[in-house]
């Protein structure tokens, strides 16, 4: 079989803005990653690199080497700034909704792999697989994410084949290792044997794919879709524990539950004062955060100078989960927010 040609125009040319994204304008893709660049800007720069890498993928050794370099920096960044990466990965500005989802999954899956005490090499494999698991089908994935209608038979067939197609592209890519290819090929397999493309079950599914599947489903649930709103973190975990329970590795699911808790970093909450704050630290288990950073005032306006709020005080007690209002004309000063956290 001849090697595939470059995947040109793979991502959509639009720039859909999610409420609360880092910025309304796409940052300079070629901006140098200097030591003085903020952690949040570097997270966005790596998202831009990922965008370009996938759009120009041609199965050359350079593509694989570029992926290795990007992933090494991304995994290191996640380890150094876990709260910020988890809280902001879903708010990066990207041209493709499905690539945006994959970037989010990569962050969650690396943190989950670390919590499971997987090796550095396994965490790298997980991150590479997350970013390239939908390599031949990003346009289709984008169409499905934006669609409200039921899938056609052709779309169902293409979705069922995409793990095989992605693994085949990687197999043609000089330097791609078998662990990476295997994790991509198996990322939709299920522990009870009901997954695809091979109907594998239990320990026949590699651990990297098992981690990736849990992160993939959780990220999908906490993200809004045209036919449903985003689920709050607690509700997403409960759905994994009920509807998806038989499909997931229980040790992976238990670890994800401990890692995420009810208020993972990035969660937006409404306080007794009616301000909206964001959680910036891990709060494992059922307990709530002891502090949040206020980003919107009681009138729903962006606070010019985000401020730390002690949630043990009566005015700052957490009343409920919430989201930023849709189409908000301004976004919070995210870099300031995470400097306070």
C-alpha atoms as a PDB file:
ATOM      1  CA  UNK A   1       0.000   0.000   0.000  1.00  0.00           C
ATOM      2  CA  UNK A   2       1.485   3.393  -0.930  1.00  0.00           C
ATOM      3  CA  UNK A   3       2.240   5.853   1.839  1.00  0.00           C
ATOM      4  CA  UNK A   4      -0.571   8.385   2.376  1.00  0.00           C
ATOM      5  CA  UNK A   5      -0.163  11.889   0.992  1.00  0.00           C
ATOM      6  CA  UNK A   6      -0.146  14.984   3.241  1.00  0.00           C
ATOM      7  CA  UNK A   7      -3.417  15.544   5.062  1.00  0.00           C
ATOM      8  CA  UNK A   8      -4.168  19.017   3.743  1.00  0.00           C
ATOM      9  CA  UNK A   9      -7.005  21.219   4.991  1.00  0.00           C
ATOM     10  CA  UNK A  10      -7.746  18.625   7.654  1.00  0.00           C
ATOM     11  CA  UNK A  11      -9.080  21.075  10.192  1.00  0.00           C
ATOM     12  CA  UNK A  12     -11.952  23.432   9.569  1.00  0.00           C
ATOM     13  CA  UNK A  13     -11.163  27.019   8.678  1.00  0.00           C
ATOM     14  CA  UNK A  14     -13.627  28.422  11.177  1.00  0.00           C
ATOM     15  CA  UNK A  15     -12.644  29.412  14.684  1.00  0.00           C
ATOM     16  CA  UNK A  16     -15.531  28.422  16.955  1.00  0.00           C
ATOM     17  CA  UNK A  17     -15.263  30.255  20.257  1.00  0.00           C
ATOM     18  CA  UNK A  18     -16.160  28.456  23.416  1.00  0.00           C
ATOM     19  CA  UNK A  19     -17.397  30.728  26.161  1.00  0.00           C
ATOM     20  CA  UNK A  20     -14.500  31.292  28.491  1.00  0.00           C
ATOM     21  CA  UNK A  21     -11.727  30.504  26.006  1.00  0.00           C
ATOM     22  CA  UNK A  22      -8.294  31.936  26.633  1.00  0.00           C
ATOM     23  CA  UNK A  23      -8.676  34.662  24.034  1.00  0.00           C
ATOM     24  CA  UNK A  24     -10.931  35.751  21.201  1.00  0.00           C
ATOM     25  CA  UNK A  25      -8.022  36.040  18.753  1.00  0.00           C
ATOM     26  CA  UNK A  26      -5.858  33.093  17.856  1.00  0.00           C
ATOM     27  CA  UNK A  27      -2.354  33.589  19.346  1.00  0.00           C
ATOM     28  CA  UNK A  28       0.666  33.645  17.052  1.00  0.00           C
ATOM     29  CA  UNK A  29       1.343  30.005  16.181  1.00  0.00           C
ATOM     30  CA  UNK A  30       5.014  30.735  15.609  1.00  0.00           C
ATOM     31  CA  UNK A  31       5.579  32.680  18.830  1.00  0.00           C
ATOM     32  CA  UNK A  32       8.825  31.513  20.443  1.00  0.00           C
ATOM     33  CA  UNK A  33       8.490  29.503  23.636  1.00  0.00           C
ATOM     34  CA  UNK A  34      10.873  31.536  25.728  1.00  0.00           C
ATOM     35  CA  UNK A  35      11.646  31.013  29.390  1.00  0.00           C
ATOM     36  CA  UNK A  36       9.744  34.204  30.213  1.00  0.00           C
ATOM     37  CA  UNK A  37       6.532  33.045  28.544  1.00  0.00           C
ATOM     38  CA  UNK A  38       3.750  32.287  31.014  1.00  0.00           C
ATOM     39  CA  UNK A  39       2.681  28.648  31.578  1.00  0.00           C
ATOM     40  CA  UNK A  40      -0.761  29.409  30.157  1.00  0.00           C
ATOM     41  CA  UNK A  41       0.658  30.920  26.976  1.00  0.00           C
ATOM     42  CA  UNK A  42       2.956  27.905  26.549  1.00  0.00           C
ATOM     43  CA  UNK A  43      -0.040  25.575  26.883  1.00  0.00           C
ATOM     44  CA  UNK A  44      -1.742  27.518  24.070  1.00  0.00           C
ATOM     45  CA  UNK A  45       1.431  27.525  21.950  1.00  0.00           C
ATOM     46  CA  UNK A  46       1.642  23.748  22.194  1.00  0.00           C
ATOM     47  CA  UNK A  47      -2.013  23.530  21.151  1.00  0.00           C
ATOM     48  CA  UNK A  48      -1.123  25.631  18.095  1.00  0.00           C
ATOM     49  CA  UNK A  49       1.814  23.333  17.295  1.00  0.00           C
ATOM     50  CA  UNK A  50      -0.488  20.327  17.535  1.00  0.00           C
ATOM     51  CA  UNK A  51      -2.937  22.013  15.164  1.00  0.00           C
ATOM     52  CA  UNK A  52      -0.209  22.571  12.553  1.00  0.00           C
ATOM     53  CA  UNK A  53       1.297  19.117  13.033  1.00  0.00           C
ATOM     54  CA  UNK A  54      -1.970  17.318  12.288  1.00  0.00           C
ATOM     55  CA  UNK A  55      -2.917  19.557   9.372  1.00  0.00           C
ATOM     56  CA  UNK A  56       0.383  18.794   7.638  1.00  0.00           C
ATOM     57  CA  UNK A  57       0.714  15.121   8.610  1.00  0.00           C
ATOM     58  CA  UNK A  58       2.250  13.146   5.727  1.00  0.00           C
ATOM     59  CA  UNK A  59       3.529  10.023   7.516  1.00  0.00           C
ATOM     60  CA  UNK A  60       7.138  11.203   7.301  1.00  0.00           C
ATOM     61  CA  UNK A  61       9.790  10.679   9.955  1.00  0.00           C
ATOM     62  CA  UNK A  62       9.717  14.425  10.576  1.00  0.00           C
ATOM     63  CA  UNK A  63       6.052  14.178  11.634  1.00  0.00           C
ATOM     64  CA  UNK A  64       6.849  11.477  14.182  1.00  0.00           C
ATOM     65  CA  UNK A  65       9.896  13.317  15.511  1.00  0.00           C
ATOM     66  CA  UNK A  66       7.895  16.532  15.826  1.00  0.00           C
ATOM     67  CA  UNK A  67       5.214  14.650  17.728  1.00  0.00           C
ATOM     68  CA  UNK A  68       7.783  13.185  20.118  1.00  0.00           C
ATOM     69  CA  UNK A  69       9.209  16.649  20.802  1.00  0.00           C
ATOM     70  CA  UNK A  70       5.811  18.237  21.325  1.00  0.00           C
ATOM     71  CA  UNK A  71       4.602  15.441  23.597  1.00  0.00           C
ATOM     72  CA  UNK A  72       7.766  15.514  25.709  1.00  0.00           C
ATOM     73  CA  UNK A  73       7.221  19.220  26.376  1.00  0.00           C
ATOM     74  CA  UNK A  74       3.477  18.817  26.928  1.00  0.00           C
ATOM     75  CA  UNK A  75       3.832  15.937  29.414  1.00  0.00           C
ATOM     76  CA  UNK A  76       6.504  17.849  31.320  1.00  0.00           C
ATOM     77  CA  UNK A  77       4.242  20.914  31.384  1.00  0.00           C
ATOM     78  CA  UNK A  78       1.352  18.840  32.738  1.00  0.00           C
ATOM     79  CA  UNK A  79       3.535  17.464  35.522  1.00  0.00           C
ATOM     80  CA  UNK A  80       4.782  20.922  36.539  1.00  0.00           C
ATOM     81  CA  UNK A  81       1.418  22.734  36.228  1.00  0.00           C
ATOM     82  CA  UNK A  82      -1.227  20.006  36.694  1.00  0.00           C
ATOM     83  CA  UNK A  83      -3.998  22.251  38.035  1.00  0.00           C
ATOM     84  CA  UNK A  84      -3.641  24.903  35.347  1.00  0.00           C
ATOM     85  CA  UNK A  85      -3.372  22.327  32.547  1.00  0.00           C
ATOM     86  CA  UNK A  86      -6.467  20.440  33.706  1.00  0.00           C
ATOM     87  CA  UNK A  87      -8.410  23.644  34.253  1.00  0.00           C
ATOM     88  CA  UNK A  88      -7.499  25.288  30.957  1.00  0.00           C
ATOM     89  CA  UNK A  89      -7.006  22.494  28.393  1.00  0.00           C
ATOM     90  CA  UNK A  90     -10.711  22.630  27.633  1.00  0.00           C
ATOM     91  CA  UNK A  91     -10.519  26.401  27.090  1.00  0.00           C
ATOM     92  CA  UNK A  92      -7.748  26.531  24.506  1.00  0.00           C
ATOM     93  CA  UNK A  93      -8.469  28.331  21.241  1.00  0.00           C
ATOM     94  CA  UNK A  94      -8.343  25.790  18.402  1.00  0.00           C
ATOM     95  CA  UNK A  95      -9.793  25.644  14.897  1.00  0.00           C
ATOM     96  CA  UNK A  96     -11.151  22.104  15.162  1.00  0.00           C
ATOM     97  CA  UNK A  97     -13.589  21.030  17.913  1.00  0.00           C
ATOM     98  CA  UNK A  98     -12.423  17.412  17.695  1.00  0.00           C
ATOM     99  CA  UNK A  99      -8.770  18.411  18.025  1.00  0.00           C
ATOM    100  CA  UNK A 100      -9.772  20.613  20.954  1.00  0.00           C
ATOM    101  CA  UNK A 101     -11.339  17.522  22.541  1.00  0.00           C
ATOM    102  CA  UNK A 102      -8.228  15.391  21.858  1.00  0.00           C
ATOM    103  CA  UNK A 103      -5.975  18.003  23.490  1.00  0.00           C
ATOM    104  CA  UNK A 104      -8.219  18.013  26.561  1.00  0.00           C
ATOM    105  CA  UNK A 105      -8.162  14.199  26.654  1.00  0.00           C
ATOM    106  CA  UNK A 106      -4.358  14.163  26.456  1.00  0.00           C
ATOM    107  CA  UNK A 107      -4.074  16.303  29.590  1.00  0.00           C
ATOM    108  CA  UNK A 108      -6.594  14.284  31.601  1.00  0.00           C
ATOM    109  CA  UNK A 109      -5.127  10.958  30.442  1.00  0.00           C
ATOM    110  CA  UNK A 110      -1.549  11.930  31.367  1.00  0.00           C
ATOM    111  CA  UNK A 111      -2.682  12.993  34.854  1.00  0.00           C
ATOM    112  CA  UNK A 112      -4.628   9.754  35.174  1.00  0.00           C
ATOM    113  CA  UNK A 113      -1.626   7.703  34.023  1.00  0.00           C
ATOM    114  CA  UNK A 114       0.568   9.456  36.570  1.00  0.00           C
ATOM    115  CA  UNK A 115      -1.983   8.762  39.335  1.00  0.00           C
ATOM    116  CA  UNK A 116      -1.915   5.081  38.312  1.00  0.00           C
ATOM    117  CA  UNK A 117       1.897   5.090  38.665  1.00  0.00           C
ATOM    118  CA  UNK A 118       2.410   4.276  35.004  1.00  0.00           C
ATOM    119  CA  UNK A 119       5.938   4.775  33.719  1.00  0.00           C
ATOM    120  CA  UNK A 120       7.108   7.925  31.948  1.00  0.00           C
ATOM    121  CA  UNK A 121       7.216   5.965  28.675  1.00  0.00           C
ATOM    122  CA  UNK A 122       3.604   4.828  29.139  1.00  0.00           C
ATOM    123  CA  UNK A 123       2.466   8.379  29.863  1.00  0.00           C
ATOM    124  CA  UNK A 124       4.184   9.532  26.677  1.00  0.00           C
ATOM    125  CA  UNK A 125       2.402   6.784  24.736  1.00  0.00           C
ATOM    126  CA  UNK A 126      -0.941   7.834  26.228  1.00  0.00           C
ATOM    127  CA  UNK A 127      -0.396  11.473  25.242  1.00  0.00           C
ATOM    128  CA  UNK A 128       0.691  10.585  21.697  1.00  0.00           C
ATOM    129  CA  UNK A 129      -2.301   8.272  21.284  1.00  0.00           C
ATOM    130  CA  UNK A 130      -4.724  10.907  22.597  1.00  0.00           C
ATOM    131  CA  UNK A 131      -3.556  13.526  20.111  1.00  0.00           C
ATOM    132  CA  UNK A 132      -3.527  11.195  17.088  1.00  0.00           C
ATOM    133  CA  UNK A 133      -6.387   8.768  17.891  1.00  0.00           C
ATOM    134  CA  UNK A 134      -8.683  10.491  15.374  1.00  0.00           C
ATOM    135  CA  UNK A 135      -6.000  11.375  12.825  1.00  0.00           C
ATOM    136  CA  UNK A 136      -7.884  10.409   9.622  1.00  0.00           C
ATOM    137  CA  UNK A 137     -11.305  11.537  10.810  1.00  0.00           C
ATOM    138  CA  UNK A 138     -11.049  15.007  12.351  1.00  0.00           C
ATOM    139  CA  UNK A 139     -13.331  16.547   9.714  1.00  0.00           C
ATOM    140  CA  UNK A 140     -15.921  13.838  10.246  1.00  0.00           C
ATOM    141  CA  UNK A 141     -15.593  14.179  14.018  1.00  0.00           C
ATOM    142  CA  UNK A 142     -16.112  17.948  13.666  1.00  0.00           C
ATOM    143  CA  UNK A 143     -19.227  17.393  11.577  1.00  0.00           C
ATOM    144  CA  UNK A 144     -20.596  14.982  14.179  1.00  0.00           C
ATOM    145  CA  UNK A 145     -19.822  17.327  17.074  1.00  0.00           C
ATOM    146  CA  UNK A 146     -21.710  20.115  15.303  1.00  0.00           C
ATOM    147  CA  UNK A 147     -24.593  17.953  14.082  1.00  0.00           C
ATOM    148  CA  UNK A 148     -27.968  17.605  15.728  1.00  0.00           C
ATOM    149  CA  UNK A 149     -29.302  14.910  13.393  1.00  0.00           C
ATOM    150  CA  UNK A 150     -28.879  11.145  13.751  1.00  0.00           C
ATOM    151  CA  UNK A 151     -25.848   9.527  12.135  1.00  0.00           C
ATOM    152  CA  UNK A 152     -26.189   8.162   8.625  1.00  0.00           C
ATOM    153  CA  UNK A 153     -25.164   4.575   7.920  1.00  0.00           C
ATOM    154  CA  UNK A 154     -22.055   5.813   6.110  1.00  0.00           C
ATOM    155  CA  UNK A 155     -21.053   7.963   9.086  1.00  0.00           C
ATOM    156  CA  UNK A 156     -21.544   5.031  11.446  1.00  0.00           C
ATOM    157  CA  UNK A 157     -19.278   2.864   9.291  1.00  0.00           C
ATOM    158  CA  UNK A 158     -16.589   5.542   9.123  1.00  0.00           C
ATOM    159  CA  UNK A 159     -16.714   6.083  12.881  1.00  0.00           C
ATOM    160  CA  UNK A 160     -16.403   2.338  13.488  1.00  0.00           C
ATOM    161  CA  UNK A 161     -13.359   2.183  11.183  1.00  0.00           C
ATOM    162  CA  UNK A 162     -11.478   5.242  12.437  1.00  0.00           C
ATOM    163  CA  UNK A 163      -9.290   3.445  15.048  1.00  0.00           C
ATOM    164  CA  UNK A 164      -8.054   1.086  12.320  1.00  0.00           C
ATOM    165  CA  UNK A 165      -7.517   3.897   9.833  1.00  0.00           C
ATOM    166  CA  UNK A 166      -5.597   5.960  12.396  1.00  0.00           C
ATOM    167  CA  UNK A 167      -3.399   3.014  13.364  1.00  0.00           C
ATOM    168  CA  UNK A 168      -2.719   2.291   9.693  1.00  0.00           C
ATOM    169  CA  UNK A 169      -1.585   5.867   9.131  1.00  0.00           C
ATOM    170  CA  UNK A 170       0.757   5.580  12.100  1.00  0.00           C
ATOM    171  CA  UNK A 171       2.035   2.232  10.826  1.00  0.00           C
ATOM    172  CA  UNK A 172       3.044   4.052   7.627  1.00  0.00           C
ATOM    173  CA  UNK A 173       4.765   6.791   9.648  1.00  0.00           C
ATOM    174  CA  UNK A 174       8.485   6.164   9.983  1.00  0.00           C
ATOM    175  CA  UNK A 175       9.463   5.908  13.650  1.00  0.00           C
ATOM    176  CA  UNK A 176       6.014   5.288  15.151  1.00  0.00           C
ATOM    177  CA  UNK A 177       6.363   2.535  17.768  1.00  0.00           C
ATOM    178  CA  UNK A 178       4.079  -0.440  18.282  1.00  0.00           C
ATOM    179  CA  UNK A 179       2.832   0.737  21.710  1.00  0.00           C
ATOM    180  CA  UNK A 180       1.612   4.011  20.188  1.00  0.00           C
ATOM    181  CA  UNK A 181      -0.090   2.237  17.292  1.00  0.00           C
ATOM    182  CA  UNK A 182      -1.686  -0.333  19.614  1.00  0.00           C
ATOM    183  CA  UNK A 183      -3.090   2.314  21.977  1.00  0.00           C
ATOM    184  CA  UNK A 184      -4.670   4.183  19.055  1.00  0.00           C
ATOM    185  CA  UNK A 185      -6.119   0.997  17.548  1.00  0.00           C
ATOM    186  CA  UNK A 186      -7.649  -0.089  20.878  1.00  0.00           C
ATOM    187  CA  UNK A 187      -8.911   3.219  22.302  1.00  0.00           C
ATOM    188  CA  UNK A 188     -12.564   2.293  21.628  1.00  0.00           C
ATOM    189  CA  UNK A 189     -12.377  -1.278  22.917  1.00  0.00           C
ATOM    190  CA  UNK A 190     -14.395  -2.032  26.063  1.00  0.00           C
ATOM    191  CA  UNK A 191     -13.708  -4.246  29.078  1.00  0.00           C
ATOM    192  CA  UNK A 192     -16.939  -6.210  28.489  1.00  0.00           C
ATOM    193  CA  UNK A 193     -16.052  -6.934  24.850  1.00  0.00           C
ATOM    194  CA  UNK A 194     -18.677  -4.620  23.349  1.00  0.00           C
ATOM    195  CA  UNK A 195     -16.181  -2.136  21.911  1.00  0.00           C
ATOM    196  CA  UNK A 196     -14.634  -1.845  18.469  1.00  0.00           C
ATOM    197  CA  UNK A 197     -12.902  -2.515  16.093  1.00  0.00           C
ATOM    198  CA  UNK A 198     -11.898  -5.988  17.381  1.00  0.00           C
ATOM    199  CA  UNK A 199     -14.240  -6.643  20.319  1.00  0.00           C
ATOM    200  CA  UNK A 200     -11.321  -7.140  22.704  1.00  0.00           C
ATOM    201  CA  UNK A 201     -12.048  -7.486  26.414  1.00  0.00           C
ATOM    202  CA  UNK A 202     -10.366  -7.298  29.806  1.00  0.00           C
ATOM    203  CA  UNK A 203      -6.592  -7.547  29.943  1.00  0.00           C
ATOM    204  CA  UNK A 204      -6.392  -8.081  26.177  1.00  0.00           C
ATOM    205  CA  UNK A 205      -6.772  -4.298  25.940  1.00  0.00           C
ATOM    206  CA  UNK A 206      -3.493  -2.491  26.627  1.00  0.00           C
ATOM    207  CA  UNK A 207      -3.452  -0.332  29.750  1.00  0.00           C
ATOM    208  CA  UNK A 208      -2.736   2.831  27.741  1.00  0.00           C
ATOM    209  CA  UNK A 209      -5.963   2.322  25.770  1.00  0.00           C
ATOM    210  CA  UNK A 210      -7.916   1.652  28.973  1.00  0.00           C
ATOM    211  CA  UNK A 211      -6.695   4.933  30.453  1.00  0.00           C
ATOM    212  CA  UNK A 212      -7.405   6.773  27.212  1.00  0.00           C
ATOM    213  CA  UNK A 213     -10.974   5.457  27.025  1.00  0.00           C
ATOM    214  CA  UNK A 214     -11.869   6.677  30.528  1.00  0.00           C
ATOM    215  CA  UNK A 215     -10.370  10.123  29.890  1.00  0.00           C
ATOM    216  CA  UNK A 216     -12.051  10.315  26.468  1.00  0.00           C
ATOM    217  CA  UNK A 217     -15.529   9.656  27.842  1.00  0.00           C
ATOM    218  CA  UNK A 218     -15.122  11.983  30.838  1.00  0.00           C
ATOM    219  CA  UNK A 219     -13.912  14.872  28.677  1.00  0.00           C
ATOM    220  CA  UNK A 220     -16.807  14.333  26.268  1.00  0.00           C
ATOM    221  CA  UNK A 221     -19.344  14.410  29.100  1.00  0.00           C
ATOM    222  CA  UNK A 222     -18.044  17.653  30.645  1.00  0.00           C
ATOM    223  CA  UNK A 223     -18.027  19.405  27.255  1.00  0.00           C
ATOM    224  CA  UNK A 224     -21.124  20.992  25.714  1.00  0.00           C
ATOM    225  CA  UNK A 225     -22.550  19.550  22.504  1.00  0.00           C
ATOM    226  CA  UNK A 226     -25.210  21.005  20.151  1.00  0.00           C
ATOM    227  CA  UNK A 227     -27.746  18.454  21.404  1.00  0.00           C
ATOM    228  CA  UNK A 228     -26.965  18.704  25.124  1.00  0.00           C
ATOM    229  CA  UNK A 229     -25.296  20.951  27.709  1.00  0.00           C
ATOM    230  CA  UNK A 230     -22.049  20.006  29.402  1.00  0.00           C
ATOM    231  CA  UNK A 231     -22.406  17.831  32.475  1.00  0.00           C
ATOM    232  CA  UNK A 232     -21.008  19.021  35.782  1.00  0.00           C
ATOM    233  CA  UNK A 233     -17.967  17.045  37.026  1.00  0.00           C
ATOM    234  CA  UNK A 234     -19.877  15.143  39.716  1.00  0.00           C
ATOM    235  CA  UNK A 235     -22.604  14.109  37.257  1.00  0.00           C
ATOM    236  CA  UNK A 236     -20.016  13.026  34.678  1.00  0.00           C
ATOM    237  CA  UNK A 237     -18.309  10.740  37.175  1.00  0.00           C
ATOM    238  CA  UNK A 238     -21.662   9.307  38.249  1.00  0.00           C
ATOM    239  CA  UNK A 239     -22.480   8.484  34.623  1.00  0.00           C
ATOM    240  CA  UNK A 240     -19.155   6.681  34.279  1.00  0.00           C
ATOM    241  CA  UNK A 241     -19.943   4.721  37.433  1.00  0.00           C
ATOM    242  CA  UNK A 242     -23.360   3.690  36.144  1.00  0.00           C
ATOM    243  CA  UNK A 243     -23.902   3.658  32.387  1.00  0.00           C
ATOM    244  CA  UNK A 244     -20.235   3.133  31.401  1.00  0.00           C
ATOM    245  CA  UNK A 245     -19.190   0.971  34.344  1.00  0.00           C
ATOM    246  CA  UNK A 246     -18.944  -2.358  32.508  1.00  0.00           C
ATOM    247  CA  UNK A 247     -16.982  -0.849  29.635  1.00  0.00           C
ATOM    248  CA  UNK A 248     -14.204   0.670  31.760  1.00  0.00           C
ATOM    249  CA  UNK A 249     -11.340  -0.765  33.778  1.00  0.00           C
ATOM    250  CA  UNK A 250     -12.568  -0.418  37.368  1.00  0.00           C
ATOM    251  CA  UNK A 251      -9.136   0.396  38.783  1.00  0.00           C
ATOM    252  CA  UNK A 252      -8.743   3.158  36.176  1.00  0.00           C
ATOM    253  CA  UNK A 253     -12.245   4.468  36.912  1.00  0.00           C
ATOM    254  CA  UNK A 254     -11.637   4.458  40.679  1.00  0.00           C
ATOM    255  CA  UNK A 255      -8.391   6.367  40.201  1.00  0.00           C
ATOM    256  CA  UNK A 256     -10.071   8.898  37.911  1.00  0.00           C
ATOM    257  CA  UNK A 257     -12.754   9.445  40.539  1.00  0.00           C
ATOM    258  CA  UNK A 258     -10.132  10.090  43.235  1.00  0.00           C
ATOM    259  CA  UNK A 259      -8.119  12.355  40.954  1.00  0.00           C
ATOM    260  CA  UNK A 260     -11.014  14.460  39.696  1.00  0.00           C
ATOM    261  CA  UNK A 261     -13.164  14.640  42.814  1.00  0.00           C
ATOM    262  CA  UNK A 262     -16.315  16.737  42.770  1.00  0.00           C
ATOM    263  CA  UNK A 263     -14.522  20.019  42.083  1.00  0.00           C
ATOM    264  CA  UNK A 264     -11.558  19.511  39.734  1.00  0.00           C
ATOM    265  CA  UNK A 265      -9.451  22.553  38.790  1.00  0.00           C
ATOM    266  CA  UNK A 266     -11.303  24.594  36.197  1.00  0.00           C
ATOM    267  CA  UNK A 267     -14.728  24.006  37.755  1.00  0.00           C
ATOM    268  CA  UNK A 268     -16.874  27.138  37.904  1.00  0.00           C
ATOM    269  CA  UNK A 269     -19.050  27.661  40.982  1.00  0.00           C
ATOM    270  CA  UNK A 270     -21.579  30.210  42.171  1.00  0.00           C
ATOM    271  CA  UNK A 271     -20.952  31.611  45.643  1.00  0.00           C
ATOM    272  CA  UNK A 272     -23.424  32.826  48.261  1.00  0.00           C
ATOM    273  CA  UNK A 273     -22.405  36.371  47.284  1.00  0.00           C
ATOM    274  CA  UNK A 274     -23.600  35.526  43.707  1.00  0.00           C
ATOM    275  CA  UNK A 275     -20.075  35.904  42.407  1.00  0.00           C
ATOM    276  CA  UNK A 276     -18.773  33.203  40.070  1.00  0.00           C
ATOM    277  CA  UNK A 277     -15.447  31.659  41.010  1.00  0.00           C
ATOM    278  CA  UNK A 278     -13.142  29.064  39.526  1.00  0.00           C
ATOM    279  CA  UNK A 279     -11.508  26.187  41.394  1.00  0.00           C
ATOM    280  CA  UNK A 280      -7.733  26.316  40.970  1.00  0.00           C
ATOM    281  CA  UNK A 281      -6.536  23.449  43.177  1.00  0.00           C
ATOM    282  CA  UNK A 282      -7.256  19.741  43.448  1.00  0.00           C
ATOM    283  CA  UNK A 283      -9.862  18.831  46.056  1.00  0.00           C
ATOM    284  CA  UNK A 284      -9.863  15.045  46.133  1.00  0.00           C
ATOM    285  CA  UNK A 285     -12.957  13.201  47.291  1.00  0.00           C
ATOM    286  CA  UNK A 286     -16.314  14.728  48.147  1.00  0.00           C
ATOM    287  CA  UNK A 287     -14.999  17.791  49.943  1.00  0.00           C
ATOM    288  CA  UNK A 288     -15.213  21.220  48.350  1.00  0.00           C
ATOM    289  CA  UNK A 289     -12.306  23.627  47.795  1.00  0.00           C
ATOM    290  CA  UNK A 290     -11.260  25.864  50.678  1.00  0.00           C
ATOM    291  CA  UNK A 291     -10.780  28.739  48.268  1.00  0.00           C
ATOM    292  CA  UNK A 292     -11.692  29.776  44.731  1.00  0.00           C
ATOM    293  CA  UNK A 293     -10.770  32.718  42.525  1.00  0.00           C
ATOM    294  CA  UNK A 294     -13.681  35.075  41.791  1.00  0.00           C
ATOM    295  CA  UNK A 295     -13.898  35.901  38.061  1.00  0.00           C
ATOM    296  CA  UNK A 296     -17.408  37.394  37.658  1.00  0.00           C
ATOM    297  CA  UNK A 297     -19.136  39.747  40.068  1.00  0.00           C
ATOM    298  CA  UNK A 298     -22.722  39.458  41.306  1.00  0.00           C
ATOM    299  CA  UNK A 299     -23.931  41.357  38.239  1.00  0.00           C
ATOM    300  CA  UNK A 300     -22.293  38.866  35.878  1.00  0.00           C
ATOM    301  CA  UNK A 301     -19.514  41.238  34.817  1.00  0.00           C
ATOM    302  CA  UNK A 302     -15.890  40.156  34.505  1.00  0.00           C
ATOM    303  CA  UNK A 303     -13.869  41.229  37.526  1.00  0.00           C
ATOM    304  CA  UNK A 304     -10.924  43.363  36.403  1.00  0.00           C
ATOM    305  CA  UNK A 305      -8.699  41.990  39.138  1.00  0.00           C
ATOM    306  CA  UNK A 306      -9.644  38.390  39.992  1.00  0.00           C
ATOM    307  CA  UNK A 307      -9.550  37.829  43.729  1.00  0.00           C
ATOM    308  CA  UNK A 308      -9.095  34.823  46.003  1.00  0.00           C
ATOM    309  CA  UNK A 309     -12.189  33.975  48.049  1.00  0.00           C
ATOM    310  CA  UNK A 310     -12.171  31.919  51.259  1.00  0.00           C
ATOM    311  CA  UNK A 311     -15.079  29.492  50.875  1.00  0.00           C
ATOM    312  CA  UNK A 312     -15.246  28.840  54.619  1.00  0.00           C
ATOM    313  CA  UNK A 313     -16.672  32.348  55.081  1.00  0.00           C
ATOM    314  CA  UNK A 314     -20.449  32.689  54.880  1.00  0.00           C
ATOM    315  CA  UNK A 315     -20.438  35.132  51.957  1.00  0.00           C
ATOM    316  CA  UNK A 316     -18.242  32.794  49.901  1.00  0.00           C
ATOM    317  CA  UNK A 317     -19.914  29.438  50.550  1.00  0.00           C
ATOM    318  CA  UNK A 318     -20.321  27.453  47.344  1.00  0.00           C
ATOM    319  CA  UNK A 319     -23.993  27.263  46.373  1.00  0.00           C
ATOM    320  CA  UNK A 320     -23.856  25.428  43.046  1.00  0.00           C
ATOM    321  CA  UNK A 321     -21.933  24.511  39.954  1.00  0.00           C
ATOM    322  CA  UNK A 322     -22.244  26.933  37.055  1.00  0.00           C
ATOM    323  CA  UNK A 323     -20.799  27.950  33.684  1.00  0.00           C
ATOM    324  CA  UNK A 324     -19.761  31.266  32.203  1.00  0.00           C
ATOM    325  CA  UNK A 325     -22.696  32.854  30.372  1.00  0.00           C
ATOM    326  CA  UNK A 326     -22.803  32.011  26.676  1.00  0.00           C
ATOM    327  CA  UNK A 327     -21.326  34.596  24.302  1.00  0.00           C
ATOM    328  CA  UNK A 328     -19.914  36.623  27.152  1.00  0.00           C
ATOM    329  CA  UNK A 329     -18.363  39.766  25.636  1.00  0.00           C
ATOM    330  CA  UNK A 330     -15.258  39.501  27.799  1.00  0.00           C
ATOM    331  CA  UNK A 331     -13.257  36.665  29.298  1.00  0.00           C
ATOM    332  CA  UNK A 332     -11.579  36.590  32.696  1.00  0.00           C
ATOM    333  CA  UNK A 333      -7.885  37.360  33.048  1.00  0.00           C
ATOM    334  CA  UNK A 334      -6.947  33.704  33.117  1.00  0.00           C
ATOM    335  CA  UNK A 335      -3.222  34.249  33.676  1.00  0.00           C
ATOM    336  CA  UNK A 336      -3.978  36.359  36.735  1.00  0.00           C
ATOM    337  CA  UNK A 337      -6.468  33.739  37.932  1.00  0.00           C
ATOM    338  CA  UNK A 338      -3.904  30.935  37.893  1.00  0.00           C
ATOM    339  CA  UNK A 339      -1.198  33.090  39.462  1.00  0.00           C
ATOM    340  CA  UNK A 340      -3.498  33.447  42.483  1.00  0.00           C
ATOM    341  CA  UNK A 341      -4.279  29.751  42.653  1.00  0.00           C
END
